[in-house]
């Protein structure tokens, strides 16, 4: 494992542990090449400014990481998709097919409230 990978992995592991211990932490999975990532990230921040958003760049995760089973963008609360979508067992970096469009700020807010 390269030093660069180690330095990228240690903070991610720390954030994974802390994200499991606080209901105020939400993991946001995305990557720079997905056009939906910035817009959903913005809507998530507006839906609940009090939450701690942990940004997870799917491009730096090791092969086999279970979070690769979700496409980008994804909002995870307690390791589960905010809207109940299941992860694929064959994870790879990809953009989600959002045929119905991105969830609105209100839909995100309601879903977050239901998780509290």
PDB file of N, CA and C in Angstrom:
ATOM      1  N   UNK A   1       0.857  -1.175   0.000  1.00  0.00           N
ATOM      2  CA  UNK A   1       0.000   0.000   0.000  1.00  0.00           C
ATOM      3  C   UNK A   1       0.899   1.233   0.000  1.00  0.00           C
ATOM      4  N   UNK A   2       0.614   2.159  -0.861  1.00  0.00           N
ATOM      5  CA  UNK A   2       1.435   3.364  -0.978  1.00  0.00           C
ATOM      6  C   UNK A   2       1.150   4.315   0.189  1.00  0.00           C
ATOM      7  N   UNK A   3       2.113   5.182   0.516  1.00  0.00           N
ATOM      8  CA  UNK A   3       1.880   6.172   1.574  1.00  0.00           C
ATOM      9  C   UNK A   3       0.671   7.061   1.277  1.00  0.00           C
ATOM     10  N   UNK A   4       0.457   7.382  -0.002  1.00  0.00           N
ATOM     11  CA  UNK A   4      -0.685   8.214  -0.371  1.00  0.00           C
ATOM     12  C   UNK A   4      -1.999   7.508  -0.028  1.00  0.00           C
ATOM     13  N   UNK A   5      -2.059   6.218  -0.283  1.00  0.00           N
ATOM     14  CA  UNK A   5      -3.256   5.440   0.038  1.00  0.00           C
ATOM     15  C   UNK A   5      -3.473   5.387   1.543  1.00  0.00           C
ATOM     16  N   UNK A   6      -2.385   5.198   2.289  1.00  0.00           N
ATOM     17  CA  UNK A   6      -2.483   5.148   3.755  1.00  0.00           C
ATOM     18  C   UNK A   6      -3.026   6.458   4.294  1.00  0.00           C
ATOM     19  N   UNK A   7      -2.479   7.581   3.807  1.00  0.00           N
ATOM     20  CA  UNK A   7      -2.928   8.879   4.297  1.00  0.00           C
ATOM     21  C   UNK A   7      -4.366   9.188   3.890  1.00  0.00           C
ATOM     22  N   UNK A   8      -4.824   8.632   2.789  1.00  0.00           N
ATOM     23  CA  UNK A   8      -6.220   8.816   2.377  1.00  0.00           C
ATOM     24  C   UNK A   8      -7.135   7.880   3.144  1.00  0.00           C
ATOM     25  N   UNK A   9      -6.630   6.702   3.534  1.00  0.00           N
ATOM     26  CA  UNK A   9      -7.456   5.691   4.192  1.00  0.00           C
ATOM     27  C   UNK A   9      -7.670   5.982   5.672  1.00  0.00           C
ATOM     28  N   UNK A  10      -6.648   6.435   6.372  1.00  0.00           N
ATOM     29  CA  UNK A  10      -6.766   6.660   7.814  1.00  0.00           C
ATOM     30  C   UNK A  10      -7.880   7.650   8.144  1.00  0.00           C
ATOM     31  N   UNK A  11      -7.933   8.826   7.527  1.00  0.00           N
ATOM     32  CA  UNK A  11      -9.054   9.722   7.834  1.00  0.00           C
ATOM     33  C   UNK A  11     -10.411   9.114   7.463  1.00  0.00           C
ATOM     34  N   UNK A  12     -10.446   8.374   6.367  1.00  0.00           N
ATOM     35  CA  UNK A  12     -11.715   7.760   5.960  1.00  0.00           C
ATOM     36  C   UNK A  12     -12.178   6.752   6.998  1.00  0.00           C
ATOM     37  N   UNK A  13     -11.247   5.962   7.543  1.00  0.00           N
ATOM     38  CA  UNK A  13     -11.606   4.999   8.588  1.00  0.00           C
ATOM     39  C   UNK A  13     -12.103   5.711   9.836  1.00  0.00           C
ATOM     40  N   UNK A  14     -11.421   6.794  10.215  1.00  0.00           N
ATOM     41  CA  UNK A  14     -11.851   7.564  11.369  1.00  0.00           C
ATOM     42  C   UNK A  14     -13.265   8.102  11.161  1.00  0.00           C
ATOM     43  N   UNK A  15     -13.527   8.631   9.974  1.00  0.00           N
ATOM     44  CA  UNK A  15     -14.847   9.176   9.687  1.00  0.00           C
ATOM     45  C   UNK A  15     -15.910   8.095   9.664  1.00  0.00           C
ATOM     46  N   UNK A  16     -15.544   6.901   9.189  1.00  0.00           N
ATOM     47  CA  UNK A  16     -16.506   5.788   9.183  1.00  0.00           C
ATOM     48  C   UNK A  16     -16.896   5.441  10.606  1.00  0.00           C
ATOM     49  N   UNK A  17     -15.924   5.414  11.521  1.00  0.00           N
ATOM     50  CA  UNK A  17     -16.210   5.087  12.913  1.00  0.00           C
ATOM     51  C   UNK A  17     -17.067   6.167  13.537  1.00  0.00           C
ATOM     52  N   UNK A  18     -16.706   7.439  13.325  1.00  0.00           N
ATOM     53  CA  UNK A  18     -17.484   8.507  13.920  1.00  0.00           C
ATOM     54  C   UNK A  18     -18.857   8.616  13.283  1.00  0.00           C
ATOM     55  N   UNK A  19     -18.978   8.256  12.012  1.00  0.00           N
ATOM     56  CA  UNK A  19     -20.288   8.359  11.366  1.00  0.00           C
ATOM     57  C   UNK A  19     -21.256   7.337  11.928  1.00  0.00           C
ATOM     58  N   UNK A  20     -20.745   6.256  12.470  1.00  0.00           N
ATOM     59  CA  UNK A  20     -21.602   5.234  13.056  1.00  0.00           C
ATOM     60  C   UNK A  20     -22.024   5.594  14.469  1.00  0.00           C
ATOM     61  N   UNK A  21     -21.340   6.563  15.079  1.00  0.00           N
ATOM     62  CA  UNK A  21     -21.613   6.864  16.475  1.00  0.00           C
ATOM     63  C   UNK A  21     -22.439   8.124  16.671  1.00  0.00           C
ATOM     64  N   UNK A  22     -22.767   8.820  15.633  1.00  0.00           N
ATOM     65  CA  UNK A  22     -23.540  10.037  15.770  1.00  0.00           C
ATOM     66  C   UNK A  22     -24.665  10.065  14.749  1.00  0.00           C
ATOM     67  N   UNK A  23     -25.856  10.406  15.233  1.00  0.00           N
ATOM     68  CA  UNK A  23     -27.002  10.518  14.330  1.00  0.00           C
ATOM     69  C   UNK A  23     -26.940  11.798  13.517  1.00  0.00           C
ATOM     70  N   UNK A  24     -26.026  12.686  13.888  1.00  0.00           N
ATOM     71  CA  UNK A  24     -25.898  13.952  13.180  1.00  0.00           C
ATOM     72  C   UNK A  24     -24.920  13.869  12.016  1.00  0.00           C
ATOM     73  N   UNK A  25     -24.273  12.712  11.848  1.00  0.00           N
ATOM     74  CA  UNK A  25     -23.321  12.530  10.755  1.00  0.00           C
ATOM     75  C   UNK A  25     -23.994  11.810   9.591  1.00  0.00           C
ATOM     76  N   UNK A  26     -23.765  12.348   8.410  1.00  0.00           N
ATOM     77  CA  UNK A  26     -24.322  11.770   7.192  1.00  0.00           C
ATOM     78  C   UNK A  26     -23.173  11.637   6.199  1.00  0.00           C
ATOM     79  N   UNK A  27     -23.036  10.463   5.595  1.00  0.00           N
ATOM     80  CA  UNK A  27     -22.014  10.281   4.574  1.00  0.00           C
ATOM     81  C   UNK A  27     -22.608  10.652   3.214  1.00  0.00           C
ATOM     82  N   UNK A  28     -21.870  11.441   2.475  1.00  0.00           N
ATOM     83  CA  UNK A  28     -22.281  11.816   1.132  1.00  0.00           C
ATOM     84  C   UNK A  28     -21.282  11.220   0.161  1.00  0.00           C
ATOM     85  N   UNK A  29     -21.745  10.266  -0.639  1.00  0.00           N
ATOM     86  CA  UNK A  29     -20.885   9.584  -1.595  1.00  0.00           C
ATOM     87  C   UNK A  29     -20.984  10.273  -2.947  1.00  0.00           C
ATOM     88  N   UNK A  30     -19.849  10.593  -3.510  1.00  0.00           N
ATOM     89  CA  UNK A  30     -19.837  11.229  -4.816  1.00  0.00           C
ATOM     90  C   UNK A  30     -18.445  11.188  -5.415  1.00  0.00           C
ATOM     91  N   UNK A  31     -18.326  11.792  -6.570  1.00  0.00           N
ATOM     92  CA  UNK A  31     -17.016  11.982  -7.193  1.00  0.00           C
ATOM     93  C   UNK A  31     -17.119  13.088  -8.217  1.00  0.00           C
ATOM     94  N   UNK A  32     -15.975  13.676  -8.521  1.00  0.00           N
ATOM     95  CA  UNK A  32     -15.934  14.848  -9.379  1.00  0.00           C
ATOM     96  C   UNK A  32     -16.496  14.659 -10.777  1.00  0.00           C
ATOM     97  N   UNK A  33     -16.469  13.456 -11.316  1.00  0.00           N
ATOM     98  CA  UNK A  33     -16.943  13.226 -12.668  1.00  0.00           C
ATOM     99  C   UNK A  33     -18.438  13.035 -12.792  1.00  0.00           C
ATOM    100  N   UNK A  34     -19.156  13.024 -11.682  1.00  0.00           N
ATOM    101  CA  UNK A  34     -20.605  12.826 -11.727  1.00  0.00           C
ATOM    102  C   UNK A  34     -21.305  14.184 -11.673  1.00  0.00           C
ATOM    103  N   UNK A  35     -22.071  14.533 -12.702  1.00  0.00           N
ATOM    104  CA  UNK A  35     -22.685  15.860 -12.744  1.00  0.00           C
ATOM    105  C   UNK A  35     -23.741  16.098 -11.663  1.00  0.00           C
ATOM    106  N   UNK A  36     -24.295  15.033 -11.068  1.00  0.00           N
ATOM    107  CA  UNK A  36     -25.323  15.186 -10.039  1.00  0.00           C
ATOM    108  C   UNK A  36     -24.738  15.455  -8.655  1.00  0.00           C
ATOM    109  N   UNK A  37     -23.458  15.140  -8.459  1.00  0.00           N
ATOM    110  CA  UNK A  37     -22.843  15.232  -7.136  1.00  0.00           C
ATOM    111  C   UNK A  37     -22.945  16.626  -6.519  1.00  0.00           C
ATOM    112  N   UNK A  38     -22.524  17.691  -7.185  1.00  0.00           N
ATOM    113  CA  UNK A  38     -22.561  19.010  -6.525  1.00  0.00           C
ATOM    114  C   UNK A  38     -23.984  19.467  -6.177  1.00  0.00           C
ATOM    115  N   UNK A  39     -24.939  19.195  -7.049  1.00  0.00           N
ATOM    116  CA  UNK A  39     -26.310  19.662  -6.802  1.00  0.00           C
ATOM    117  C   UNK A  39     -26.944  18.932  -5.618  1.00  0.00           C
ATOM    118  N   UNK A  40     -26.790  17.618  -5.539  1.00  0.00           N
ATOM    119  CA  UNK A  40     -27.379  16.893  -4.411  1.00  0.00           C
ATOM    120  C   UNK A  40     -26.669  17.262  -3.116  1.00  0.00           C
ATOM    121  N   UNK A  41     -25.362  17.479  -3.166  1.00  0.00           N
ATOM    122  CA  UNK A  41     -24.602  17.902  -1.974  1.00  0.00           C
ATOM    123  C   UNK A  41     -25.140  19.226  -1.468  1.00  0.00           C
ATOM    124  N   UNK A  42     -25.415  20.143  -2.373  1.00  0.00           N
ATOM    125  CA  UNK A  42     -25.957  21.450  -2.020  1.00  0.00           C
ATOM    126  C   UNK A  42     -27.353  21.314  -1.394  1.00  0.00           C
ATOM    127  N   UNK A  43     -28.190  20.477  -1.975  1.00  0.00           N
ATOM    128  CA  UNK A  43     -29.543  20.274  -1.444  1.00  0.00           C
ATOM    129  C   UNK A  43     -29.502  19.630  -0.060  1.00  0.00           C
ATOM    130  N   UNK A  44     -28.593  18.687   0.134  1.00  0.00           N
ATOM    131  CA  UNK A  44     -28.448  18.041   1.442  1.00  0.00           C
ATOM    132  C   UNK A  44     -28.062  19.066   2.503  1.00  0.00           C
ATOM    133  N   UNK A  45     -27.097  19.914   2.202  1.00  0.00           N
ATOM    134  CA  UNK A  45     -26.668  20.943   3.151  1.00  0.00           C
ATOM    135  C   UNK A  45     -27.805  21.905   3.486  1.00  0.00           C
ATOM    136  N   UNK A  46     -28.608  22.242   2.503  1.00  0.00           N
ATOM    137  CA  UNK A  46     -29.725  23.161   2.735  1.00  0.00           C
ATOM    138  C   UNK A  46     -30.868  22.479   3.487  1.00  0.00           C
ATOM    139  N   UNK A  47     -31.050  21.197   3.272  1.00  0.00           N
ATOM    140  CA  UNK A  47     -32.152  20.474   3.921  1.00  0.00           C
ATOM    141  C   UNK A  47     -32.005  20.441   5.433  1.00  0.00           C
ATOM    142  N   UNK A  48     -30.760  20.346   5.917  1.00  0.00           N
ATOM    143  CA  UNK A  48     -30.522  20.330   7.364  1.00  0.00           C
ATOM    144  C   UNK A  48     -29.126  20.874   7.639  1.00  0.00           C
ATOM    145  N   UNK A  49     -29.025  22.181   7.863  1.00  0.00           N
ATOM    146  CA  UNK A  49     -27.715  22.794   8.101  1.00  0.00           C
ATOM    147  C   UNK A  49     -27.014  22.300   9.368  1.00  0.00           C
ATOM    148  N   UNK A  50     -27.740  21.619  10.259  1.00  0.00           N
ATOM    149  CA  UNK A  50     -27.135  21.165  11.515  1.00  0.00           C
ATOM    150  C   UNK A  50     -26.386  19.840  11.389  1.00  0.00           C
ATOM    151  N   UNK A  51     -26.566  19.125  10.278  1.00  0.00           N
ATOM    152  CA  UNK A  51     -25.902  17.832  10.155  1.00  0.00           C
ATOM    153  C   UNK A  51     -24.434  18.009   9.763  1.00  0.00           C
ATOM    154  N   UNK A  52     -23.655  17.013  10.127  1.00  0.00           N
ATOM    155  CA  UNK A  52     -22.249  16.965   9.745  1.00  0.00           C
ATOM    156  C   UNK A  52     -22.154  16.084   8.509  1.00  0.00           C
ATOM    157  N   UNK A  53     -21.860  16.695   7.373  1.00  0.00           N
ATOM    158  CA  UNK A  53     -21.765  15.944   6.121  1.00  0.00           C
ATOM    159  C   UNK A  53     -20.330  15.459   5.954  1.00  0.00           C
ATOM    160  N   UNK A  54     -20.182  14.155   5.863  1.00  0.00           N
ATOM    161  CA  UNK A  54     -18.881  13.539   5.647  1.00  0.00           C
ATOM    162  C   UNK A  54     -18.791  13.198   4.169  1.00  0.00           C
ATOM    163  N   UNK A  55     -17.972  13.942   3.453  1.00  0.00           N
ATOM    164  CA  UNK A  55     -17.823  13.733   2.018  1.00  0.00           C
ATOM    165  C   UNK A  55     -16.912  12.537   1.763  1.00  0.00           C
ATOM    166  N   UNK A  56     -17.411  11.592   0.982  1.00  0.00           N
ATOM    167  CA  UNK A  56     -16.654  10.398   0.630  1.00  0.00           C
ATOM    168  C   UNK A  56     -16.472  10.389  -0.881  1.00  0.00           C
ATOM    169  N   UNK A  57     -15.231  10.507  -1.313  1.00  0.00           N
ATOM    170  CA  UNK A  57     -14.909  10.473  -2.736  1.00  0.00           C
ATOM    171  C   UNK A  57     -14.790   9.010  -3.157  1.00  0.00           C
ATOM    172  N   UNK A  58     -15.733   8.556  -3.948  1.00  0.00           N
ATOM    173  CA  UNK A  58     -15.734   7.152  -4.371  1.00  0.00           C
ATOM    174  C   UNK A  58     -14.482   6.778  -5.143  1.00  0.00           C
ATOM    175  N   UNK A  59     -13.825   7.751  -5.743  1.00  0.00           N
ATOM    176  CA  UNK A  59     -12.644   7.471  -6.555  1.00  0.00           C
ATOM    177  C   UNK A  59     -11.437   7.048  -5.719  1.00  0.00           C
ATOM    178  N   UNK A  60     -11.437   7.330  -4.420  1.00  0.00           N
ATOM    179  CA  UNK A  60     -10.278   6.984  -3.601  1.00  0.00           C
ATOM    180  C   UNK A  60     -10.505   5.758  -2.723  1.00  0.00           C
ATOM    181  N   UNK A  61     -11.697   5.171  -2.795  1.00  0.00           N
ATOM    182  CA  UNK A  61     -11.975   3.985  -1.979  1.00  0.00           C
ATOM    183  C   UNK A  61     -11.299   2.761  -2.580  1.00  0.00           C
ATOM    184  N   UNK A  62     -10.838   1.883  -1.703  1.00  0.00           N
ATOM    185  CA  UNK A  62     -10.217   0.637  -2.148  1.00  0.00           C
ATOM    186  C   UNK A  62     -11.249  -0.301  -2.751  1.00  0.00           C
ATOM    187  N   UNK A  63     -10.806  -1.094  -3.705  1.00  0.00           N
ATOM    188  CA  UNK A  63     -11.660  -2.121  -4.300  1.00  0.00           C
ATOM    189  C   UNK A  63     -12.209  -2.999  -3.175  1.00  0.00           C
ATOM    190  N   UNK A  64     -13.465  -3.313  -3.256  1.00  0.00           N
ATOM    191  CA  UNK A  64     -14.099  -4.130  -2.227  1.00  0.00           C
ATOM    192  C   UNK A  64     -14.771  -3.324  -1.127  1.00  0.00           C
ATOM    193  N   UNK A  65     -14.571  -2.016  -1.100  1.00  0.00           N
ATOM    194  CA  UNK A  65     -15.232  -1.189  -0.099  1.00  0.00           C
ATOM    195  C   UNK A  65     -16.735  -1.253  -0.352  1.00  0.00           C
ATOM    196  N   UNK A  66     -17.541  -1.588   0.654  1.00  0.00           N
ATOM    197  CA  UNK A  66     -18.982  -1.744   0.429  1.00  0.00           C
ATOM    198  C   UNK A  66     -19.691  -0.486  -0.057  1.00  0.00           C
ATOM    199  N   UNK A  67     -19.111   0.675   0.209  1.00  0.00           N
ATOM    200  CA  UNK A  67     -19.754   1.914  -0.251  1.00  0.00           C
ATOM    201  C   UNK A  67     -19.690   2.065  -1.766  1.00  0.00           C
ATOM    202  N   UNK A  68     -18.839   1.279  -2.425  1.00  0.00           N
ATOM    203  CA  UNK A  68     -18.793   1.319  -3.888  1.00  0.00           C
ATOM    204  C   UNK A  68     -20.033   0.683  -4.507  1.00  0.00           C
ATOM    205  N   UNK A  69     -20.823   0.018  -3.715  1.00  0.00           N
ATOM    206  CA  UNK A  69     -22.051  -0.603  -4.205  1.00  0.00           C
ATOM    207  C   UNK A  69     -23.148   0.394  -4.538  1.00  0.00           C
ATOM    208  N   UNK A  70     -22.998   1.612  -4.062  1.00  0.00           N
ATOM    209  CA  UNK A  70     -23.957   2.662  -4.406  1.00  0.00           C
ATOM    210  C   UNK A  70     -23.330   3.539  -5.468  1.00  0.00           C
ATOM    211  N   UNK A  71     -24.129   4.037  -6.348  1.00  0.00           N
ATOM    212  CA  UNK A  71     -23.635   4.992  -7.331  1.00  0.00           C
ATOM    213  C   UNK A  71     -23.572   6.378  -6.716  1.00  0.00           C
ATOM    214  N   UNK A  72     -23.036   7.307  -7.463  1.00  0.00           N
ATOM    215  CA  UNK A  72     -22.962   8.689  -6.993  1.00  0.00           C
ATOM    216  C   UNK A  72     -24.080   9.496  -7.644  1.00  0.00           C
ATOM    217  N   UNK A  73     -24.658  10.384  -6.927  1.00  0.00           N
ATOM    218  CA  UNK A  73     -24.447  10.654  -5.519  1.00  0.00           C
ATOM    219  C   UNK A  73     -25.377   9.811  -4.649  1.00  0.00           C
ATOM    220  N   UNK A  74     -24.926   9.535  -3.435  1.00  0.00           N
ATOM    221  CA  UNK A  74     -25.721   8.779  -2.468  1.00  0.00           C
ATOM    222  C   UNK A  74     -25.568   9.425  -1.102  1.00  0.00           C
ATOM    223  N   UNK A  75     -26.665   9.474  -0.372  1.00  0.00           N
ATOM    224  CA  UNK A  75     -26.662   9.960   1.008  1.00  0.00           C
ATOM    225  C   UNK A  75     -26.847   8.742   1.900  1.00  0.00           C
ATOM    226  N   UNK A  76     -25.864   8.491   2.767  1.00  0.00           N
ATOM    227  CA  UNK A  76     -25.939   7.362   3.686  1.00  0.00           C
ATOM    228  C   UNK A  76     -26.137   7.867   5.115  1.00  0.00           C
ATOM    229  N   UNK A  77     -27.100   7.270   5.798  1.00  0.00           N
ATOM    230  CA  UNK A  77     -27.330   7.546   7.214  1.00  0.00           C
ATOM    231  C   UNK A  77     -27.238   6.208   7.925  1.00  0.00           C
ATOM    232  N   UNK A  78     -26.297   6.087   8.828  1.00  0.00           N
ATOM    233  CA  UNK A  78     -26.100   4.815   9.526  1.00  0.00           C
ATOM    234  C   UNK A  78     -25.742   3.684   8.584  1.00  0.00           C
ATOM    235  N   UNK A  79     -25.063   4.013   7.491  1.00  0.00           N
ATOM    236  CA  UNK A  79     -24.643   3.009   6.530  1.00  0.00           C
ATOM    237  C   UNK A  79     -25.726   2.553   5.567  1.00  0.00           C
ATOM    238  N   UNK A  80     -26.880   3.212   5.603  1.00  0.00           N
ATOM    239  CA  UNK A  80     -27.992   2.859   4.706  1.00  0.00           C
ATOM    240  C   UNK A  80     -28.369   4.060   3.852  1.00  0.00           C
ATOM    241  N   UNK A  81     -28.794   3.771   2.629  1.00  0.00           N
ATOM    242  CA  UNK A  81     -29.240   4.825   1.722  1.00  0.00           C
ATOM    243  C   UNK A  81     -30.422   5.559   2.337  1.00  0.00           C
ATOM    244  N   UNK A  82     -30.388   6.871   2.306  1.00  0.00           N
ATOM    245  CA  UNK A  82     -31.444   7.692   2.901  1.00  0.00           C
ATOM    246  C   UNK A  82     -32.820   7.363   2.345  1.00  0.00           C
ATOM    247  N   UNK A  83     -32.869   6.928   1.082  1.00  0.00           N
ATOM    248  CA  UNK A  83     -34.154   6.656   0.447  1.00  0.00           C
ATOM    249  C   UNK A  83     -34.429   5.168   0.280  1.00  0.00           C
ATOM    250  N   UNK A  84     -33.662   4.343   0.986  1.00  0.00           N
ATOM    251  CA  UNK A  84     -33.938   2.910   1.029  1.00  0.00           C
ATOM    252  C   UNK A  84     -33.434   2.095  -0.135  1.00  0.00           C
ATOM    253  N   UNK A  85     -32.642   2.696  -1.015  1.00  0.00           N
ATOM    254  CA  UNK A  85     -32.103   1.929  -2.131  1.00  0.00           C
ATOM    255  C   UNK A  85     -31.016   0.986  -1.630  1.00  0.00           C
ATOM    256  N   UNK A  86     -30.950  -0.176  -2.209  1.00  0.00           N
ATOM    257  CA  UNK A  86     -29.955  -1.165  -1.807  1.00  0.00           C
ATOM    258  C   UNK A  86     -28.702  -1.026  -2.656  1.00  0.00           C
ATOM    259  N   UNK A  87     -27.586  -1.361  -2.052  1.00  0.00           N
ATOM    260  CA  UNK A  87     -26.315  -1.334  -2.772  1.00  0.00           C
ATOM    261  C   UNK A  87     -26.179  -2.582  -3.615  1.00  0.00           C
ATOM    262  N   UNK A  88     -25.466  -2.443  -4.694  1.00  0.00           N
ATOM    263  CA  UNK A  88     -25.132  -3.588  -5.527  1.00  0.00           C
ATOM    264  C   UNK A  88     -23.986  -4.334  -4.862  1.00  0.00           C
ATOM    265  N   UNK A  89     -23.993  -5.650  -4.953  1.00  0.00           N
ATOM    266  CA  UNK A  89     -22.885  -6.409  -4.381  1.00  0.00           C
ATOM    267  C   UNK A  89     -21.637  -6.302  -5.243  1.00  0.00           C
ATOM    268  N   UNK A  90     -21.791  -5.829  -6.465  1.00  0.00           N
ATOM    269  CA  UNK A  90     -20.661  -5.668  -7.379  1.00  0.00           C
ATOM    270  C   UNK A  90     -20.384  -4.185  -7.541  1.00  0.00           C
ATOM    271  N   UNK A  91     -19.726  -3.608  -6.561  1.00  0.00           N
ATOM    272  CA  UNK A  91     -19.526  -2.176  -6.546  1.00  0.00           C
ATOM    273  C   UNK A  91     -18.423  -1.691  -7.454  1.00  0.00           C
ATOM    274  N   UNK A  92     -18.723  -0.605  -8.108  1.00  0.00           N
ATOM    275  CA  UNK A  92     -17.720   0.109  -8.893  1.00  0.00           C
ATOM    276  C   UNK A  92     -18.169   1.564  -8.961  1.00  0.00           C
ATOM    277  N   UNK A  93     -17.253   2.443  -9.262  1.00  0.00           N
ATOM    278  CA  UNK A  93     -17.578   3.860  -9.311  1.00  0.00           C
ATOM    279  C   UNK A  93     -18.473   4.138 -10.516  1.00  0.00           C
ATOM    280  N   UNK A  94     -19.623   4.723 -10.233  1.00  0.00           N
ATOM    281  CA  UNK A  94     -20.560   5.047 -11.308  1.00  0.00           C
ATOM    282  C   UNK A  94     -21.503   6.151 -10.857  1.00  0.00           C
ATOM    283  N   UNK A  95     -22.107   6.820 -11.832  1.00  0.00           N
ATOM    284  CA  UNK A  95     -23.168   7.779 -11.547  1.00  0.00           C
ATOM    285  C   UNK A  95     -24.487   7.023 -11.511  1.00  0.00           C
ATOM    286  N   UNK A  96     -25.347   7.434 -10.627  1.00  0.00           N
ATOM    287  CA  UNK A  96     -26.678   6.844 -10.568  1.00  0.00           C
ATOM    288  C   UNK A  96     -27.495   7.297 -11.769  1.00  0.00           C
ATOM    289  N   UNK A  97     -28.374   6.415 -12.210  1.00  0.00           N
ATOM    290  CA  UNK A  97     -29.343   6.779 -13.227  1.00  0.00           C
ATOM    291  C   UNK A  97     -30.522   7.403 -12.499  1.00  0.00           C
ATOM    292  N   UNK A  98     -30.639   8.692 -12.570  1.00  0.00           N
ATOM    293  CA  UNK A  98     -31.680   9.403 -11.829  1.00  0.00           C
ATOM    294  C   UNK A  98     -32.801   9.802 -12.771  1.00  0.00           C
ATOM    295  N   UNK A  99     -33.507   8.815 -13.295  1.00  0.00           N
ATOM    296  CA  UNK A  99     -34.593   9.039 -14.236  1.00  0.00           C
ATOM    297  C   UNK A  99     -35.693   9.923 -13.680  1.00  0.00           C
ATOM    298  N   UNK A 100     -35.912   9.843 -12.358  1.00  0.00           N
ATOM    299  CA  UNK A 100     -36.941  10.665 -11.716  1.00  0.00           C
ATOM    300  C   UNK A 100     -36.387  11.995 -11.233  1.00  0.00           C
ATOM    301  N   UNK A 101     -35.105  12.229 -11.454  1.00  0.00           N
ATOM    302  CA  UNK A 101     -34.463  13.459 -10.999  1.00  0.00           C
ATOM    303  C   UNK A 101     -33.959  13.347  -9.578  1.00  0.00           C
ATOM    304  N   UNK A 102     -33.259  14.371  -9.153  1.00  0.00           N
ATOM    305  CA  UNK A 102     -32.719  14.409  -7.796  1.00  0.00           C
ATOM    306  C   UNK A 102     -33.835  14.655  -6.789  1.00  0.00           C
ATOM    307  N   UNK A 103     -33.690  14.113  -5.583  1.00  0.00           N
ATOM    308  CA  UNK A 103     -34.681  14.432  -4.550  1.00  0.00           C
ATOM    309  C   UNK A 103     -34.636  15.928  -4.235  1.00  0.00           C
ATOM    310  N   UNK A 104     -35.783  16.475  -3.936  1.00  0.00           N
ATOM    311  CA  UNK A 104     -35.861  17.897  -3.598  1.00  0.00           C
ATOM    312  C   UNK A 104     -35.335  18.121  -2.180  1.00  0.00           C
ATOM    313  N   UNK A 105     -35.115  19.375  -1.842  1.00  0.00           N
ATOM    314  CA  UNK A 105     -34.691  19.727  -0.493  1.00  0.00           C
ATOM    315  C   UNK A 105     -35.722  19.245   0.515  1.00  0.00           C
ATOM    316  N   UNK A 106     -36.997  19.414   0.205  1.00  0.00           N
ATOM    317  CA  UNK A 106     -38.064  18.967   1.106  1.00  0.00           C
ATOM    318  C   UNK A 106     -38.047  17.454   1.270  1.00  0.00           C
ATOM    319  N   UNK A 107     -37.871  16.713   0.191  1.00  0.00           N
ATOM    320  CA  UNK A 107     -37.816  15.252   0.285  1.00  0.00           C
ATOM    321  C   UNK A 107     -36.636  14.795   1.134  1.00  0.00           C
ATOM    322  N   UNK A 108     -35.510  15.462   0.989  1.00  0.00           N
ATOM    323  CA  UNK A 108     -34.339  15.122   1.805  1.00  0.00           C
ATOM    324  C   UNK A 108     -34.617  15.438   3.267  1.00  0.00           C
ATOM    325  N   UNK A 109     -35.195  16.600   3.537  1.00  0.00           N
ATOM    326  CA  UNK A 109     -35.499  17.007   4.907  1.00  0.00           C
ATOM    327  C   UNK A 109     -36.445  16.003   5.567  1.00  0.00           C
ATOM    328  N   UNK A 110     -37.484  15.613   4.879  1.00  0.00           N
ATOM    329  CA  UNK A 110     -38.462  14.659   5.424  1.00  0.00           C
ATOM    330  C   UNK A 110     -37.796  13.312   5.706  1.00  0.00           C
ATOM    331  N   UNK A 111     -36.972  12.842   4.780  1.00  0.00           N
ATOM    332  CA  UNK A 111     -36.288  11.562   4.946  1.00  0.00           C
ATOM    333  C   UNK A 111     -35.309  11.612   6.125  1.00  0.00           C
ATOM    334  N   UNK A 112     -34.604  12.728   6.291  1.00  0.00           N
ATOM    335  CA  UNK A 112     -33.696  12.864   7.422  1.00  0.00           C
ATOM    336  C   UNK A 112     -34.450  12.877   8.746  1.00  0.00           C
ATOM    337  N   UNK A 113     -35.555  13.588   8.784  1.00  0.00           N
ATOM    338  CA  UNK A 113     -36.382  13.635  10.014  1.00  0.00           C
ATOM    339  C   UNK A 113     -36.895  12.256  10.387  1.00  0.00           C
ATOM    340  N   UNK A 114     -37.246  11.471   9.391  1.00  0.00           N
ATOM    341  CA  UNK A 114     -37.747  10.108   9.647  1.00  0.00           C
ATOM    342  C   UNK A 114     -36.673   9.217  10.253  1.00  0.00           C
ATOM    343  N   UNK A 115     -35.401   9.543  10.027  1.00  0.00           N
ATOM    344  CA  UNK A 115     -34.283   8.747  10.544  1.00  0.00           C
ATOM    345  C   UNK A 115     -33.883   9.124  11.967  1.00  0.00           C
ATOM    346  N   UNK A 116     -34.397  10.220  12.481  1.00  0.00           N
ATOM    347  CA  UNK A 116     -33.985  10.668  13.833  1.00  0.00           C
ATOM    348  C   UNK A 116     -34.694   9.903  14.911  1.00  0.00           C
TER     349      UNK A 116
END
